Amino acid sequence: MEILRTVLTIVFVLVCIALTLIVLLQESKSEGLGAINGMAETYWGKNKGRSMEGTLEKITKVLAVTFIILAAVLNINF
């Protein structure tokens, strides 16, 4: 059991580092004055799922869920 806990701890640290890096790679969500005129909706905004930003958001969601699950599992005293 101690080997499993060590492996999960290593995976947890790697997920933490990856989550931090992915969040730092994302662009700011502030749209500035473009939101007033309705210019915030561009081609990249409409096709966000296929863009780099959309991919980063999907990876962030997966890493966040993995982080929460690993934190809960590591908190259980087995």
N, C-alpha and C. Protein backbone atom coordinates (compact mmCIF):
# COMPACT_ATOMS: atom_id res chain seq x y z
N MET A 1 0.81 -1.20 0.00
CA MET A 1 0.00 0.00 0.00
C MET A 1 0.85 1.28 0.00
N GLU A 2 2.01 1.16 0.61
CA GLU A 2 2.87 2.34 0.66
C GLU A 2 3.39 2.70 -0.74
N ILE A 3 3.60 1.71 -1.58
CA ILE A 3 4.05 1.96 -2.95
C ILE A 3 2.97 2.69 -3.74
N LEU A 4 1.71 2.28 -3.55
CA LEU A 4 0.60 2.95 -4.23
C LEU A 4 0.48 4.40 -3.79
N ARG A 5 0.63 4.64 -2.50
CA ARG A 5 0.55 6.01 -1.99
C ARG A 5 1.69 6.86 -2.56
N THR A 6 2.88 6.29 -2.67
CA THR A 6 4.02 7.02 -3.23
C THR A 6 3.79 7.35 -4.71
N VAL A 7 3.28 6.38 -5.45
CA VAL A 7 3.00 6.61 -6.87
C VAL A 7 1.92 7.68 -7.03
N LEU A 8 0.86 7.61 -6.23
CA LEU A 8 -0.21 8.61 -6.31
C LEU A 8 0.30 10.00 -5.92
N THR A 9 1.19 10.06 -4.96
CA THR A 9 1.77 11.35 -4.57
C THR A 9 2.60 11.94 -5.70
N ILE A 10 3.37 11.12 -6.37
CA ILE A 10 4.17 11.60 -7.50
C ILE A 10 3.26 12.08 -8.63
N VAL A 11 2.22 11.33 -8.93
CA VAL A 11 1.26 11.74 -9.97
C VAL A 11 0.57 13.03 -9.55
N PHE A 12 0.25 13.17 -8.27
CA PHE A 12 -0.39 14.38 -7.76
C PHE A 12 0.51 15.61 -7.95
N VAL A 13 1.79 15.46 -7.65
CA VAL A 13 2.73 16.57 -7.83
C VAL A 13 2.85 16.94 -9.31
N LEU A 14 2.90 15.94 -10.18
CA LEU A 14 2.98 16.22 -11.62
C LEU A 14 1.72 16.91 -12.12
N VAL A 15 0.56 16.50 -11.63
CA VAL A 15 -0.70 17.15 -12.02
C VAL A 15 -0.71 18.59 -11.52
N CYS A 16 -0.21 18.83 -10.32
CA CYS A 16 -0.14 20.19 -9.78
C CYS A 16 0.73 21.10 -10.65
N ILE A 17 1.88 20.59 -11.04
CA ILE A 17 2.79 21.37 -11.87
C ILE A 17 2.17 21.62 -13.25
N ALA A 18 1.57 20.59 -13.84
CA ALA A 18 0.95 20.73 -15.16
C ALA A 18 -0.21 21.71 -15.11
N LEU A 19 -1.02 21.63 -14.06
CA LEU A 19 -2.16 22.53 -13.93
C LEU A 19 -1.70 23.98 -13.80
N THR A 20 -0.66 24.20 -13.04
CA THR A 20 -0.12 25.55 -12.90
C THR A 20 0.38 26.09 -14.23
N LEU A 21 1.11 25.28 -14.98
CA LEU A 21 1.65 25.72 -16.26
C LEU A 21 0.54 25.99 -17.28
N ILE A 22 -0.46 25.13 -17.33
CA ILE A 22 -1.56 25.31 -18.29
C ILE A 22 -2.35 26.57 -17.98
N VAL A 23 -2.59 26.83 -16.69
CA VAL A 23 -3.32 28.04 -16.32
C VAL A 23 -2.52 29.28 -16.69
N LEU A 24 -1.22 29.24 -16.50
CA LEU A 24 -0.38 30.39 -16.85
C LEU A 24 -0.30 30.62 -18.36
N LEU A 25 -0.49 29.57 -19.15
CA LEU A 25 -0.44 29.71 -20.61
C LEU A 25 -1.70 30.35 -21.19
N GLN A 26 -2.79 30.33 -20.45
CA GLN A 26 -4.05 30.85 -20.97
C GLN A 26 -4.05 32.37 -21.00
N GLU A 27 -4.81 32.88 -21.97
CA GLU A 27 -4.92 34.34 -22.11
C GLU A 27 -5.92 34.89 -21.12
N SER A 28 -5.83 36.17 -20.88
CA SER A 28 -6.74 36.85 -19.98
C SER A 28 -8.15 36.86 -20.55
N LYS A 29 -9.14 36.81 -19.67
CA LYS A 29 -10.54 36.80 -20.11
C LYS A 29 -11.11 38.22 -20.24
N SER A 30 -10.38 39.22 -19.86
CA SER A 30 -10.89 40.58 -19.95
C SER A 30 -10.95 41.00 -21.41
N GLU A 31 -12.11 41.49 -21.81
CA GLU A 31 -12.32 41.85 -23.21
C GLU A 31 -12.12 43.33 -23.46
N GLY A 32 -11.96 44.11 -22.41
CA GLY A 32 -11.71 45.53 -22.56
C GLY A 32 -12.89 46.27 -23.16
N LEU A 33 -12.60 47.31 -23.94
CA LEU A 33 -13.66 48.11 -24.54
C LEU A 33 -14.32 47.43 -25.72
N GLY A 34 -13.75 46.36 -26.21
CA GLY A 34 -14.35 45.65 -27.33
C GLY A 34 -15.69 45.04 -26.97
N ALA A 35 -15.92 44.75 -25.71
CA ALA A 35 -17.19 44.17 -25.27
C ALA A 35 -18.33 45.18 -25.36
N ILE A 36 -18.03 46.46 -25.30
CA ILE A 36 -19.07 47.49 -25.36
C ILE A 36 -19.69 47.54 -26.75
N ASN A 37 -18.89 47.46 -27.78
CA ASN A 37 -19.38 47.55 -29.15
C ASN A 37 -19.83 46.20 -29.71
N GLY A 38 -19.66 45.16 -28.96
CA GLY A 38 -20.01 43.83 -29.46
C GLY A 38 -18.93 43.21 -30.31
N MET A 39 -17.73 43.76 -30.24
CA MET A 39 -16.64 43.25 -31.06
C MET A 39 -15.94 42.07 -30.40
N ALA A 40 -16.40 41.66 -29.23
CA ALA A 40 -15.73 40.57 -28.53
C ALA A 40 -15.95 39.24 -29.22
N GLU A 41 -17.04 39.11 -29.98
CA GLU A 41 -17.34 37.86 -30.66
C GLU A 41 -16.66 37.87 -32.02
N THR A 42 -15.56 37.17 -32.12
CA THR A 42 -14.80 37.12 -33.37
C THR A 42 -14.85 35.70 -33.91
N TYR A 43 -14.12 35.48 -34.96
CA TYR A 43 -14.04 34.15 -35.54
C TYR A 43 -13.48 33.17 -34.52
N TRP A 44 -12.45 33.57 -33.79
CA TRP A 44 -11.83 32.67 -32.82
C TRP A 44 -12.77 32.43 -31.64
N GLY A 45 -13.61 33.40 -31.31
CA GLY A 45 -14.58 33.19 -30.24
C GLY A 45 -15.64 32.19 -30.64
N LYS A 46 -16.05 32.20 -31.91
CA LYS A 46 -17.06 31.26 -32.39
C LYS A 46 -16.52 29.84 -32.51
N ASN A 47 -15.26 29.71 -32.87
CA ASN A 47 -14.64 28.40 -33.06
C ASN A 47 -13.65 28.09 -31.94
N LYS A 48 -14.01 28.46 -30.74
CA LYS A 48 -13.09 28.35 -29.62
C LYS A 48 -12.71 26.90 -29.30
N GLY A 49 -13.61 25.96 -29.53
CA GLY A 49 -13.33 24.57 -29.21
C GLY A 49 -12.21 23.98 -30.03
N ARG A 50 -11.97 24.53 -31.23
CA ARG A 50 -10.92 24.00 -32.10
C ARG A 50 -9.64 24.82 -32.05
N SER A 51 -9.66 25.89 -31.28
CA SER A 51 -8.48 26.73 -31.20
C SER A 51 -7.56 26.26 -30.08
N MET A 52 -6.41 26.88 -29.99
CA MET A 52 -5.46 26.55 -28.93
C MET A 52 -6.04 26.89 -27.57
N GLU A 53 -6.75 27.99 -27.48
CA GLU A 53 -7.35 28.40 -26.21
C GLU A 53 -8.41 27.40 -25.76
N GLY A 54 -9.19 26.90 -26.69
CA GLY A 54 -10.19 25.89 -26.35
C GLY A 54 -9.55 24.61 -25.86
N THR A 55 -8.46 24.23 -26.49
CA THR A 55 -7.73 23.03 -26.07
C THR A 55 -7.16 23.21 -24.67
N LEU A 56 -6.62 24.39 -24.38
CA LEU A 56 -6.07 24.65 -23.05
C LEU A 56 -7.16 24.60 -21.99
N GLU A 57 -8.35 25.09 -22.33
CA GLU A 57 -9.46 25.04 -21.37
C GLU A 57 -9.89 23.60 -21.08
N LYS A 58 -9.93 22.77 -22.12
CA LYS A 58 -10.30 21.37 -21.92
C LYS A 58 -9.26 20.66 -21.06
N ILE A 59 -7.99 20.91 -21.32
CA ILE A 59 -6.93 20.29 -20.53
C ILE A 59 -7.01 20.77 -19.08
N THR A 60 -7.32 22.05 -18.88
CA THR A 60 -7.45 22.59 -17.53
C THR A 60 -8.57 21.89 -16.77
N LYS A 61 -9.70 21.66 -17.43
CA LYS A 61 -10.81 20.98 -16.77
C LYS A 61 -10.44 19.56 -16.37
N VAL A 62 -9.77 18.84 -17.26
CA VAL A 62 -9.38 17.46 -16.97
C VAL A 62 -8.37 17.43 -15.81
N LEU A 63 -7.40 18.32 -15.85
CA LEU A 63 -6.40 18.36 -14.78
C LEU A 63 -7.01 18.78 -13.45
N ALA A 64 -7.98 19.69 -13.47
CA ALA A 64 -8.63 20.12 -12.23
C ALA A 64 -9.41 18.97 -11.59
N VAL A 65 -10.14 18.22 -12.42
CA VAL A 65 -10.89 17.07 -11.89
C VAL A 65 -9.92 16.02 -11.36
N THR A 66 -8.84 15.77 -12.08
CA THR A 66 -7.83 14.81 -11.63
C THR A 66 -7.21 15.27 -10.31
N PHE A 67 -6.94 16.56 -10.19
CA PHE A 67 -6.38 17.12 -8.97
C PHE A 67 -7.31 16.88 -7.78
N ILE A 68 -8.59 17.14 -7.96
CA ILE A 68 -9.56 16.98 -6.87
C ILE A 68 -9.69 15.51 -6.47
N ILE A 69 -9.75 14.63 -7.45
CA ILE A 69 -9.88 13.19 -7.15
C ILE A 69 -8.64 12.67 -6.44
N LEU A 70 -7.47 13.04 -6.93
CA LEU A 70 -6.23 12.59 -6.28
C LEU A 70 -6.09 13.16 -4.88
N ALA A 71 -6.50 14.41 -4.68
CA ALA A 71 -6.44 15.00 -3.34
C ALA A 71 -7.35 14.24 -2.38
N ALA A 72 -8.53 13.87 -2.85
CA ALA A 72 -9.47 13.13 -2.00
C ALA A 72 -8.93 11.73 -1.70
N VAL A 73 -8.38 11.06 -2.70
CA VAL A 73 -7.85 9.70 -2.50
C VAL A 73 -6.64 9.72 -1.57
N LEU A 74 -5.77 10.70 -1.73
CA LEU A 74 -4.58 10.77 -0.88
C LEU A 74 -4.94 11.16 0.56
N ASN A 75 -6.08 11.80 0.75
CA ASN A 75 -6.51 12.19 2.08
C ASN A 75 -7.06 11.01 2.88
N ILE A 76 -7.49 9.96 2.18
CA ILE A 76 -7.99 8.77 2.85
C ILE A 76 -6.81 8.02 3.46
N ASN A 77 -6.91 7.69 4.70
CA ASN A 77 -5.82 6.97 5.38
C ASN A 77 -5.98 5.47 5.17
N PHE A 78 -5.26 4.95 4.18
CA PHE A 78 -5.32 3.51 3.94
C PHE A 78 -3.98 2.87 4.18
